[in-house]
All heavy atoms as atom14 arrays in JSON, in Angstrom:
{
  "sequence": "RAYSCLEEMLAQEKPDVMHICTPHYLHVPMAVYGLTHGVHVFMEKP",
  "atom14_mask": [
    [1, 1, 1, 1, 1, 1, 1, 1, 1, 1, 1, 0, 0, 0],
    [1, 1, 1, 1, 1, 0, 0, 0, 0, 0, 0, 0, 0, 0],
    [1, 1, 1, 1, 1, 1, 1, 1, 1, 1, 1, 1, 0, 0],
    [1, 1, 1, 1, 1, 1, 0, 0, 0, 0, 0, 0, 0, 0],
    [1, 1, 1, 1, 1, 1, 0, 0, 0, 0, 0, 0, 0, 0],
    [1, 1, 1, 1, 1, 1, 1, 1, 0, 0, 0, 0, 0, 0],
    [1, 1, 1, 1, 1, 1, 1, 1, 1, 0, 0, 0, 0, 0],
    [1, 1, 1, 1, 1, 1, 1, 1, 1, 0, 0, 0, 0, 0],
    [1, 1, 1, 1, 1, 1, 1, 1, 0, 0, 0, 0, 0, 0],
    [1, 1, 1, 1, 1, 1, 1, 1, 0, 0, 0, 0, 0, 0],
    [1, 1, 1, 1, 1, 0, 0, 0, 0, 0, 0, 0, 0, 0],
    [1, 1, 1, 1, 1, 1, 1, 1, 1, 0, 0, 0, 0, 0],
    [1, 1, 1, 1, 1, 1, 1, 1, 1, 0, 0, 0, 0, 0],
    [1, 1, 1, 1, 1, 1, 1, 1, 1, 0, 0, 0, 0, 0],
    [1, 1, 1, 1, 1, 1, 1, 0, 0, 0, 0, 0, 0, 0],
    [1, 1, 1, 1, 1, 1, 1, 1, 0, 0, 0, 0, 0, 0],
    [1, 1, 1, 1, 1, 1, 1, 0, 0, 0, 0, 0, 0, 0],
    [1, 1, 1, 1, 1, 1, 1, 1, 0, 0, 0, 0, 0, 0],
    [1, 1, 1, 1, 1, 1, 1, 1, 1, 1, 0, 0, 0, 0],
    [1, 1, 1, 1, 1, 1, 1, 1, 0, 0, 0, 0, 0, 0],
    [1, 1, 1, 1, 1, 1, 0, 0, 0, 0, 0, 0, 0, 0],
    [1, 1, 1, 1, 1, 1, 1, 0, 0, 0, 0, 0, 0, 0],
    [1, 1, 1, 1, 1, 1, 1, 0, 0, 0, 0, 0, 0, 0],
    [1, 1, 1, 1, 1, 1, 1, 1, 1, 1, 0, 0, 0, 0],
    [1, 1, 1, 1, 1, 1, 1, 1, 1, 1, 1, 1, 0, 0],
    [1, 1, 1, 1, 1, 1, 1, 1, 0, 0, 0, 0, 0, 0],
    [1, 1, 1, 1, 1, 1, 1, 1, 1, 1, 0, 0, 0, 0],
    [1, 1, 1, 1, 1, 1, 1, 0, 0, 0, 0, 0, 0, 0],
    [1, 1, 1, 1, 1, 1, 1, 0, 0, 0, 0, 0, 0, 0],
    [1, 1, 1, 1, 1, 1, 1, 1, 0, 0, 0, 0, 0, 0],
    [1, 1, 1, 1, 1, 0, 0, 0, 0, 0, 0, 0, 0, 0],
    [1, 1, 1, 1, 1, 1, 1, 0, 0, 0, 0, 0, 0, 0],
    [1, 1, 1, 1, 1, 1, 1, 1, 1, 1, 1, 1, 0, 0],
    [1, 1, 1, 1, 0, 0, 0, 0, 0, 0, 0, 0, 0, 0],
    [1, 1, 1, 1, 1, 1, 1, 1, 0, 0, 0, 0, 0, 0],
    [1, 1, 1, 1, 1, 1, 1, 0, 0, 0, 0, 0, 0, 0],
    [1, 1, 1, 1, 1, 1, 1, 1, 1, 1, 0, 0, 0, 0],
    [1, 1, 1, 1, 0, 0, 0, 0, 0, 0, 0, 0, 0, 0],
    [1, 1, 1, 1, 1, 1, 1, 0, 0, 0, 0, 0, 0, 0],
    [1, 1, 1, 1, 1, 1, 1, 1, 1, 1, 0, 0, 0, 0],
    [1, 1, 1, 1, 1, 1, 1, 0, 0, 0, 0, 0, 0, 0],
    [1, 1, 1, 1, 1, 1, 1, 1, 1, 1, 1, 0, 0, 0],
    [1, 1, 1, 1, 1, 1, 1, 1, 0, 0, 0, 0, 0, 0],
    [1, 1, 1, 1, 1, 1, 1, 1, 1, 0, 0, 0, 0, 0],
    [1, 1, 1, 1, 1, 1, 1, 1, 1, 0, 0, 0, 0, 0],
    [1, 1, 1, 1, 1, 1, 1, 0, 0, 0, 0, 0, 0, 0]
  ],
  "atom14_positions": [
    [[8.8, -6.37, -11.61], [8.46, -6.95, -10.31], [8.86, -5.98, -9.19], [9.78, -5.2, -9.34], [9.15, -8.29, -10.13], [8.43, -9.4, -10.93], [9.28, -10.64, -11.13], [10.39, -10.48, -12.05], [10.3, -10.33, -13.38], [9.12, -10.32, -13.95], [11.35, -10.2, -14.15], [0.0, 0.0, 0.0], [0.0, 0.0, 0.0], [0.0, 0.0, 0.0]],
    [[8.16, -6.11, -8.07], [8.38, -5.23, -6.91], [9.27, -5.94, -5.89], [9.13, -7.13, -5.62], [7.04, -4.9, -6.26], [0.0, 0.0, 0.0], [0.0, 0.0, 0.0], [0.0, 0.0, 0.0], [0.0, 0.0, 0.0], [0.0, 0.0, 0.0], [0.0, 0.0, 0.0], [0.0, 0.0, 0.0], [0.0, 0.0, 0.0], [0.0, 0.0, 0.0]],
    [[10.18, -5.13, -5.29], [11.06, -5.64, -4.26], [11.17, -4.6, -3.13], [11.07, -3.4, -3.38], [12.47, -5.9, -4.81], [12.5, -7.0, -5.85], [12.33, -6.69, -7.2], [12.67, -8.32, -5.47], [12.35, -7.7, -8.15], [12.67, -9.32, -6.42], [12.51, -9.01, -7.78], [12.51, -10.02, -8.7], [0.0, 0.0, 0.0], [0.0, 0.0, 0.0]],
    [[11.39, -5.11, -1.93], [11.58, -4.22, -0.79], [13.05, -4.02, -0.48], [13.4, -3.21, 0.35], [10.86, -4.75, 0.43], [11.37, -6.02, 0.79], [0.0, 0.0, 0.0], [0.0, 0.0, 0.0], [0.0, 0.0, 0.0], [0.0, 0.0, 0.0], [0.0, 0.0, 0.0], [0.0, 0.0, 0.0], [0.0, 0.0, 0.0], [0.0, 0.0, 0.0]],
    [[13.91, -4.8, -1.17], [15.35, -4.63, -0.9], [16.18, -4.82, -2.17], [15.86, -5.66, -3.03], [15.78, -5.55, 0.24], [16.54, -7.07, -0.16], [0.0, 0.0, 0.0], [0.0, 0.0, 0.0], [0.0, 0.0, 0.0], [0.0, 0.0, 0.0], [0.0, 0.0, 0.0], [0.0, 0.0, 0.0], [0.0, 0.0, 0.0], [0.0, 0.0, 0.0]],
    [[17.18, -4.01, -2.27], [18.08, -4.02, -3.44], [18.75, -5.37, -3.64], [18.8, -5.88, -4.78], [19.16, -2.92, -3.21], [20.41, -3.01, -4.06], [20.1, -2.67, -5.5], [21.48, -2.06, -3.5], [0.0, 0.0, 0.0], [0.0, 0.0, 0.0], [0.0, 0.0, 0.0], [0.0, 0.0, 0.0], [0.0, 0.0, 0.0], [0.0, 0.0, 0.0]],
    [[19.25, -5.94, -2.59], [19.99, -7.2, -2.69], [19.15, -8.31, -3.31], [19.59, -9.04, -4.18], [20.55, -7.62, -1.33], [21.57, -6.65, -0.74], [20.97, -5.43, -0.05], [19.71, -5.32, 0.06], [21.76, -4.57, 0.39], [0.0, 0.0, 0.0], [0.0, 0.0, 0.0], [0.0, 0.0, 0.0], [0.0, 0.0, 0.0], [0.0, 0.0, 0.0]],
    [[17.92, -8.43, -2.83], [17.0, -9.45, -3.38], [16.69, -9.18, -4.85], [16.68, -10.1, -5.67], [15.71, -9.49, -2.56], [14.74, -10.55, -3.06], [13.42, -10.52, -2.33], [13.22, -9.7, -1.42], [12.54, -11.33, -2.74], [0.0, 0.0, 0.0], [0.0, 0.0, 0.0], [0.0, 0.0, 0.0], [0.0, 0.0, 0.0], [0.0, 0.0, 0.0]],
    [[16.47, -7.91, -5.2], [16.15, -7.59, -6.57], [17.31, -7.96, -7.51], [17.09, -8.57, -8.55], [15.85, -6.07, -6.72], [15.53, -5.66, -8.14], [15.01, -3.95, -8.3], [16.47, -3.06, -7.83], [0.0, 0.0, 0.0], [0.0, 0.0, 0.0], [0.0, 0.0, 0.0], [0.0, 0.0, 0.0], [0.0, 0.0, 0.0], [0.0, 0.0, 0.0]],
    [[18.53, -7.63, -7.12], [19.69, -7.97, -7.97], [19.86, -9.46, -8.1], [20.17, -9.99, -9.18], [20.95, -7.29, -7.47], [20.99, -5.77, -7.5], [22.37, -5.26, -7.11], [20.59, -5.23, -8.88], [0.0, 0.0, 0.0], [0.0, 0.0, 0.0], [0.0, 0.0, 0.0], [0.0, 0.0, 0.0], [0.0, 0.0, 0.0], [0.0, 0.0, 0.0]],
    [[19.66, -10.2, -7.0], [19.84, -11.65, -7.02], [18.76, -12.31, -7.89], [19.08, -13.25, -8.65], [19.76, -12.2, -5.59], [0.0, 0.0, 0.0], [0.0, 0.0, 0.0], [0.0, 0.0, 0.0], [0.0, 0.0, 0.0], [0.0, 0.0, 0.0], [0.0, 0.0, 0.0], [0.0, 0.0, 0.0], [0.0, 0.0, 0.0], [0.0, 0.0, 0.0]],
    [[17.54, -11.84, -7.81], [16.45, -12.44, -8.57], [16.47, -12.02, -10.04], [16.24, -12.87, -10.91], [15.1, -12.04, -7.95], [14.84, -12.63, -6.59], [14.68, -14.15, -6.64], [14.02, -14.68, -7.51], [15.33, -14.81, -5.71], [0.0, 0.0, 0.0], [0.0, 0.0, 0.0], [0.0, 0.0, 0.0], [0.0, 0.0, 0.0], [0.0, 0.0, 0.0]],
    [[16.71, -10.78, -10.3], [16.57, -10.26, -11.66], [17.87, -10.41, -12.5], [17.8, -10.47, -13.72], [16.14, -8.78, -11.65], [14.77, -8.54, -11.04], [13.67, -9.29, -11.77], [13.78, -9.59, -12.97], [12.65, -9.57, -11.09], [0.0, 0.0, 0.0], [0.0, 0.0, 0.0], [0.0, 0.0, 0.0], [0.0, 0.0, 0.0], [0.0, 0.0, 0.0]],
    [[19.01, -10.4, -11.85], [20.29, -10.45, -12.58], [20.31, -9.44, -13.73], [20.47, -9.82, -14.89], [20.58, -11.87, -13.05], [20.72, -12.86, -11.91], [21.05, -14.22, -12.37], [21.14, -15.25, -11.29], [20.66, -15.05, -9.99], [0.0, 0.0, 0.0], [0.0, 0.0, 0.0], [0.0, 0.0, 0.0], [0.0, 0.0, 0.0], [0.0, 0.0, 0.0]],
    [[20.13, -8.15, -13.4], [20.02, -7.15, -14.46], [21.37, -6.79, -15.1], [22.44, -7.07, -14.51], [19.48, -5.94, -13.7], [20.06, -6.09, -12.33], [20.05, -7.57, -12.06], [0.0, 0.0, 0.0], [0.0, 0.0, 0.0], [0.0, 0.0, 0.0], [0.0, 0.0, 0.0], [0.0, 0.0, 0.0], [0.0, 0.0, 0.0], [0.0, 0.0, 0.0]],
    [[21.3, -6.17, -16.24], [22.5, -5.61, -16.86], [22.9, -4.29, -16.18], [24.06, -4.02, -16.01], [22.25, -5.35, -18.36], [21.94, -6.64, -19.1], [22.77, -7.56, -19.06], [20.85, -6.68, -19.72], [0.0, 0.0, 0.0], [0.0, 0.0, 0.0], [0.0, 0.0, 0.0], [0.0, 0.0, 0.0], [0.0, 0.0, 0.0], [0.0, 0.0, 0.0]],
    [[21.87, -3.48, -15.85], [22.13, -2.16, -15.29], [21.12, -1.85, -14.19], [19.95, -2.21, -14.27], [22.13, -1.08, -16.37], [20.78, -0.94, -17.03], [22.58, 0.28, -15.83], [0.0, 0.0, 0.0], [0.0, 0.0, 0.0], [0.0, 0.0, 0.0], [0.0, 0.0, 0.0], [0.0, 0.0, 0.0], [0.0, 0.0, 0.0], [0.0, 0.0, 0.0]],
    [[21.62, -1.15, -13.17], [20.8, -0.68, -12.08], [20.85, 0.83, -12.06], [21.92, 1.42, -12.07], [21.32, -1.22, -10.74], [20.7, -0.58, -9.53], [21.26, -1.24, -7.93], [23.03, -0.92, -7.96], [0.0, 0.0, 0.0], [0.0, 0.0, 0.0], [0.0, 0.0, 0.0], [0.0, 0.0, 0.0], [0.0, 0.0, 0.0], [0.0, 0.0, 0.0]],
    [[19.67, 1.46, -12.0], [19.56, 2.9, -11.86], [19.35, 3.2, -10.38], [18.4, 2.71, -9.77], [18.39, 3.44, -12.68], [18.64, 3.43, -14.14], [18.55, 4.57, -14.91], [18.97, 2.43, -15.0], [18.82, 4.28, -16.16], [19.08, 2.98, -16.25], [0.0, 0.0, 0.0], [0.0, 0.0, 0.0], [0.0, 0.0, 0.0], [0.0, 0.0, 0.0]],
    [[20.21, 4.05, -9.82], [20.09, 4.42, -8.4], [19.43, 5.78, -8.3], [19.98, 6.78, -8.72], [21.49, 4.44, -7.72], [22.13, 3.06, -7.8], [21.36, 4.92, -6.27], [23.54, 2.97, -7.24], [0.0, 0.0, 0.0], [0.0, 0.0, 0.0], [0.0, 0.0, 0.0], [0.0, 0.0, 0.0], [0.0, 0.0, 0.0], [0.0, 0.0, 0.0]],
    [[18.21, 5.77, -7.72], [17.39, 6.98, -7.59], [16.99, 7.19, -6.14], [15.84, 7.52, -5.84], [16.16, 6.87, -8.49], [16.53, 6.64, -10.25], [0.0, 0.0, 0.0], [0.0, 0.0, 0.0], [0.0, 0.0, 0.0], [0.0, 0.0, 0.0], [0.0, 0.0, 0.0], [0.0, 0.0, 0.0], [0.0, 0.0, 0.0], [0.0, 0.0, 0.0]],
    [[17.92, 6.96, -5.27], [17.66, 7.0, -3.83], [18.21, 8.32, -3.24], [18.92, 9.06, -3.93], [18.35, 5.84, -3.13], [19.75, 5.88, -3.44], [17.8, 4.49, -3.6], [0.0, 0.0, 0.0], [0.0, 0.0, 0.0], [0.0, 0.0, 0.0], [0.0, 0.0, 0.0], [0.0, 0.0, 0.0], [0.0, 0.0, 0.0], [0.0, 0.0, 0.0]],
    [[17.96, 8.56, -1.96], [18.63, 9.71, -1.31], [20.12, 9.6, -1.45], [20.73, 8.49, -1.49], [18.19, 9.57, 0.14], [16.87, 8.89, 0.07], [17.0, 7.9, -1.07], [0.0, 0.0, 0.0], [0.0, 0.0, 0.0], [0.0, 0.0, 0.0], [0.0, 0.0, 0.0], [0.0, 0.0, 0.0], [0.0, 0.0, 0.0], [0.0, 0.0, 0.0]],
    [[20.77, 10.74, -1.54], [22.2, 10.82, -1.89], [23.13, 10.03, -0.97], [24.13, 9.48, -1.42], [22.66, 12.29, -1.96], [22.42, 13.05, -0.7], [21.2, 13.64, -0.45], [23.19, 13.29, 0.36], [21.26, 14.23, 0.74], [22.45, 14.04, 1.24], [0.0, 0.0, 0.0], [0.0, 0.0, 0.0], [0.0, 0.0, 0.0], [0.0, 0.0, 0.0]],
    [[22.82, 9.9, 0.31], [23.7, 9.19, 1.22], [23.71, 7.68, 0.95], [24.58, 6.98, 1.44], [23.34, 9.48, 2.67], [21.93, 9.12, 3.09], [21.62, 7.85, 3.53], [20.9, 10.05, 2.98], [20.33, 7.51, 3.89], [19.62, 9.72, 3.34], [19.33, 8.45, 3.8], [18.05, 8.13, 4.15], [0.0, 0.0, 0.0], [0.0, 0.0, 0.0]],
    [[22.79, 7.19, 0.13], [22.76, 5.77, -0.22], [23.44, 5.46, -1.55], [23.63, 4.31, -1.89], [21.3, 5.28, -0.28], [20.54, 5.32, 1.04], [19.08, 5.02, 0.81], [21.14, 4.35, 2.05], [0.0, 0.0, 0.0], [0.0, 0.0, 0.0], [0.0, 0.0, 0.0], [0.0, 0.0, 0.0], [0.0, 0.0, 0.0], [0.0, 0.0, 0.0]],
    [[23.79, 6.48, -2.31], [24.34, 6.27, -3.67], [25.57, 5.39, -3.66], [25.63, 4.4, -4.4], [24.65, 7.61, -4.33], [23.44, 8.39, -4.68], [23.51, 9.64, -5.25], [22.11, 8.15, -4.52], [22.3, 10.11, -5.47], [21.42, 9.22, -5.02], [0.0, 0.0, 0.0], [0.0, 0.0, 0.0], [0.0, 0.0, 0.0], [0.0, 0.0, 0.0]],
    [[26.58, 5.72, -2.89], [27.84, 4.97, -2.91], [27.66, 3.54, -2.42], [28.1, 2.63, -3.1], [28.96, 5.71, -2.2], [30.21, 4.84, -2.06], [29.32, 6.99, -2.97], [0.0, 0.0, 0.0], [0.0, 0.0, 0.0], [0.0, 0.0, 0.0], [0.0, 0.0, 0.0], [0.0, 0.0, 0.0], [0.0, 0.0, 0.0], [0.0, 0.0, 0.0]],
    [[27.09, 3.3, -1.26], [26.94, 1.9, -0.85], [26.19, 1.05, -1.87], [26.57, -0.12, -2.12], [26.16, 1.98, 0.46], [26.3, 3.36, 0.96], [26.55, 4.23, -0.25], [0.0, 0.0, 0.0], [0.0, 0.0, 0.0], [0.0, 0.0, 0.0], [0.0, 0.0, 0.0], [0.0, 0.0, 0.0], [0.0, 0.0, 0.0], [0.0, 0.0, 0.0]],
    [[25.16, 1.61, -2.47], [24.41, 0.83, -3.47], [25.2, 0.64, -4.76], [25.16, -0.43, -5.36], [23.08, 1.53, -3.76], [22.11, 1.41, -2.62], [20.56, 2.27, -3.0], [19.56, 1.68, -1.64], [0.0, 0.0, 0.0], [0.0, 0.0, 0.0], [0.0, 0.0, 0.0], [0.0, 0.0, 0.0], [0.0, 0.0, 0.0], [0.0, 0.0, 0.0]],
    [[25.92, 1.67, -5.18], [26.74, 1.54, -6.39], [27.85, 0.52, -6.18], [28.08, -0.32, -7.06], [27.35, 2.9, -6.76], [0.0, 0.0, 0.0], [0.0, 0.0, 0.0], [0.0, 0.0, 0.0], [0.0, 0.0, 0.0], [0.0, 0.0, 0.0], [0.0, 0.0, 0.0], [0.0, 0.0, 0.0], [0.0, 0.0, 0.0], [0.0, 0.0, 0.0]],
    [[28.49, 0.57, -5.04], [29.53, -0.42, -4.74], [28.96, -1.82, -4.75], [29.53, -2.75, -5.33], [30.23, -0.1, -3.39], [31.12, -1.24, -2.93], [31.04, 1.2, -3.5], [0.0, 0.0, 0.0], [0.0, 0.0, 0.0], [0.0, 0.0, 0.0], [0.0, 0.0, 0.0], [0.0, 0.0, 0.0], [0.0, 0.0, 0.0], [0.0, 0.0, 0.0]],
    [[27.8, -1.98, -4.14], [27.17, -3.31, -4.12], [26.88, -3.79, -5.54], [27.17, -4.92, -5.89], [25.86, -3.26, -3.28], [25.28, -4.63, -3.08], [25.7, -5.42, -2.02], [24.36, -5.16, -3.98], [25.21, -6.69, -1.83], [23.84, -6.42, -3.8], [24.26, -7.2, -2.74], [23.77, -8.47, -2.56], [0.0, 0.0, 0.0], [0.0, 0.0, 0.0]],
    [[26.31, -2.93, -6.35], [26.0, -3.31, -7.72], [27.24, -3.66, -8.52], [27.28, -4.71, -9.18], [0.0, 0.0, 0.0], [0.0, 0.0, 0.0], [0.0, 0.0, 0.0], [0.0, 0.0, 0.0], [0.0, 0.0, 0.0], [0.0, 0.0, 0.0], [0.0, 0.0, 0.0], [0.0, 0.0, 0.0], [0.0, 0.0, 0.0], [0.0, 0.0, 0.0]],
    [[28.24, -2.81, -8.45], [29.48, -3.05, -9.2], [30.16, -4.33, -8.78], [30.68, -5.07, -9.63], [30.42, -1.86, -9.05], [30.0, -0.56, -9.73], [30.83, 0.61, -9.22], [30.09, -0.68, -11.25], [0.0, 0.0, 0.0], [0.0, 0.0, 0.0], [0.0, 0.0, 0.0], [0.0, 0.0, 0.0], [0.0, 0.0, 0.0], [0.0, 0.0, 0.0]],
    [[30.16, -4.6, -7.49], [30.84, -5.83, -7.0], [30.0, -7.08, -7.21], [30.47, -8.18, -6.99], [31.21, -5.7, -5.51], [30.02, -5.47, -4.74], [32.21, -4.58, -5.29], [0.0, 0.0, 0.0], [0.0, 0.0, 0.0], [0.0, 0.0, 0.0], [0.0, 0.0, 0.0], [0.0, 0.0, 0.0], [0.0, 0.0, 0.0], [0.0, 0.0, 0.0]],
    [[28.76, -6.88, -7.66], [27.91, -8.03, -7.99], [27.6, -8.12, -9.48], [26.6, -8.68, -9.9], [26.6, -7.95, -7.15], [26.83, -8.34, -5.74], [27.35, -7.47, -4.79], [26.65, -9.51, -5.1], [27.47, -8.1, -3.63], [27.05, -9.33, -3.8], [0.0, 0.0, 0.0], [0.0, 0.0, 0.0], [0.0, 0.0, 0.0], [0.0, 0.0, 0.0]],
    [[28.48, -7.52, -10.28], [28.42, -7.7, -11.72], [27.33, -6.93, -12.46], [26.91, -7.33, -13.52], [0.0, 0.0, 0.0], [0.0, 0.0, 0.0], [0.0, 0.0, 0.0], [0.0, 0.0, 0.0], [0.0, 0.0, 0.0], [0.0, 0.0, 0.0], [0.0, 0.0, 0.0], [0.0, 0.0, 0.0], [0.0, 0.0, 0.0], [0.0, 0.0, 0.0]],
    [[26.97, -5.76, -11.92], [25.9, -4.96, -12.54], [26.46, -3.59, -12.91], [27.15, -2.96, -12.12], [24.71, -4.8, -11.57], [23.62, -3.93, -12.18], [24.17, -6.15, -11.14], [0.0, 0.0, 0.0], [0.0, 0.0, 0.0], [0.0, 0.0, 0.0], [0.0, 0.0, 0.0], [0.0, 0.0, 0.0], [0.0, 0.0, 0.0], [0.0, 0.0, 0.0]],
    [[26.17, -3.15, -14.13], [26.48, -1.77, -14.5], [25.62, -0.86, -13.64], [24.48, -1.22, -13.28], [26.19, -1.5, -15.96], [27.01, -2.33, -16.91], [28.36, -2.14, -17.08], [26.65, -3.32, -17.75], [28.79, -2.99, -17.98], [27.78, -3.73, -18.4], [0.0, 0.0, 0.0], [0.0, 0.0, 0.0], [0.0, 0.0, 0.0], [0.0, 0.0, 0.0]],
    [[26.11, 0.35, -13.32], [25.4, 1.24, -12.44], [25.25, 2.61, -13.09], [26.25, 3.16, -13.61], [26.13, 1.38, -11.07], [25.5, 2.46, -10.22], [26.14, 0.06, -10.33], [0.0, 0.0, 0.0], [0.0, 0.0, 0.0], [0.0, 0.0, 0.0], [0.0, 0.0, 0.0], [0.0, 0.0, 0.0], [0.0, 0.0, 0.0], [0.0, 0.0, 0.0]],
    [[24.04, 3.15, -13.02], [23.79, 4.53, -13.46], [23.19, 5.22, -12.26], [22.13, 4.8, -11.75], [22.84, 4.55, -14.67], [22.66, 5.92, -15.23], [23.68, 6.59, -15.86], [21.44, 6.59, -15.12], [23.52, 7.87, -16.4], [21.25, 7.86, -15.64], [22.3, 8.51, -16.28], [0.0, 0.0, 0.0], [0.0, 0.0, 0.0], [0.0, 0.0, 0.0]],
    [[23.85, 6.25, -11.77], [23.39, 6.86, -10.53], [23.09, 8.33, -10.65], [23.69, 9.04, -11.44], [24.41, 6.62, -9.39], [25.76, 7.27, -9.61], [27.07, 6.62, -8.55], [26.53, 7.02, -6.94], [0.0, 0.0, 0.0], [0.0, 0.0, 0.0], [0.0, 0.0, 0.0], [0.0, 0.0, 0.0], [0.0, 0.0, 0.0], [0.0, 0.0, 0.0]],
    [[22.15, 8.76, -9.83], [21.78, 10.17, -9.75], [22.88, 10.93, -9.02], [23.74, 10.38, -8.37], [20.45, 10.33, -9.02], [19.24, 10.26, -9.91], [19.16, 11.4, -10.9], [19.59, 12.52, -10.61], [18.6, 11.16, -12.0], [0.0, 0.0, 0.0], [0.0, 0.0, 0.0], [0.0, 0.0, 0.0], [0.0, 0.0, 0.0], [0.0, 0.0, 0.0]],
    [[22.81, 12.23, -9.16], [23.76, 13.1, -8.46], [23.27, 13.38, -7.03], [22.07, 13.27, -6.81], [23.96, 14.39, -9.25], [22.66, 15.18, -9.44], [22.86, 16.23, -10.49], [21.6, 16.76, -11.0], [20.53, 15.89, -11.34], [0.0, 0.0, 0.0], [0.0, 0.0, 0.0], [0.0, 0.0, 0.0], [0.0, 0.0, 0.0], [0.0, 0.0, 0.0]],
    [[24.1, 13.73, -6.16], [25.56, 13.74, -6.29], [26.1, 12.32, -6.19], [25.53, 11.51, -5.48], [26.01, 14.56, -5.09], [24.98, 14.29, -4.03], [23.68, 14.15, -4.81], [0.0, 0.0, 0.0], [0.0, 0.0, 0.0], [0.0, 0.0, 0.0], [0.0, 0.0, 0.0], [0.0, 0.0, 0.0], [0.0, 0.0, 0.0], [0.0, 0.0, 0.0]]
  ]
}
């Protein structure tokens, strides 16, 4: 399914793992959000 925002996607899908493939300045905020919402996180570098 398609989503325009990370928060809605995590709430609706309740995934086991989220892959972060965004620009680098978004990696940490998104990873923190995922981890604090019970999702394993796999992120791109840096």
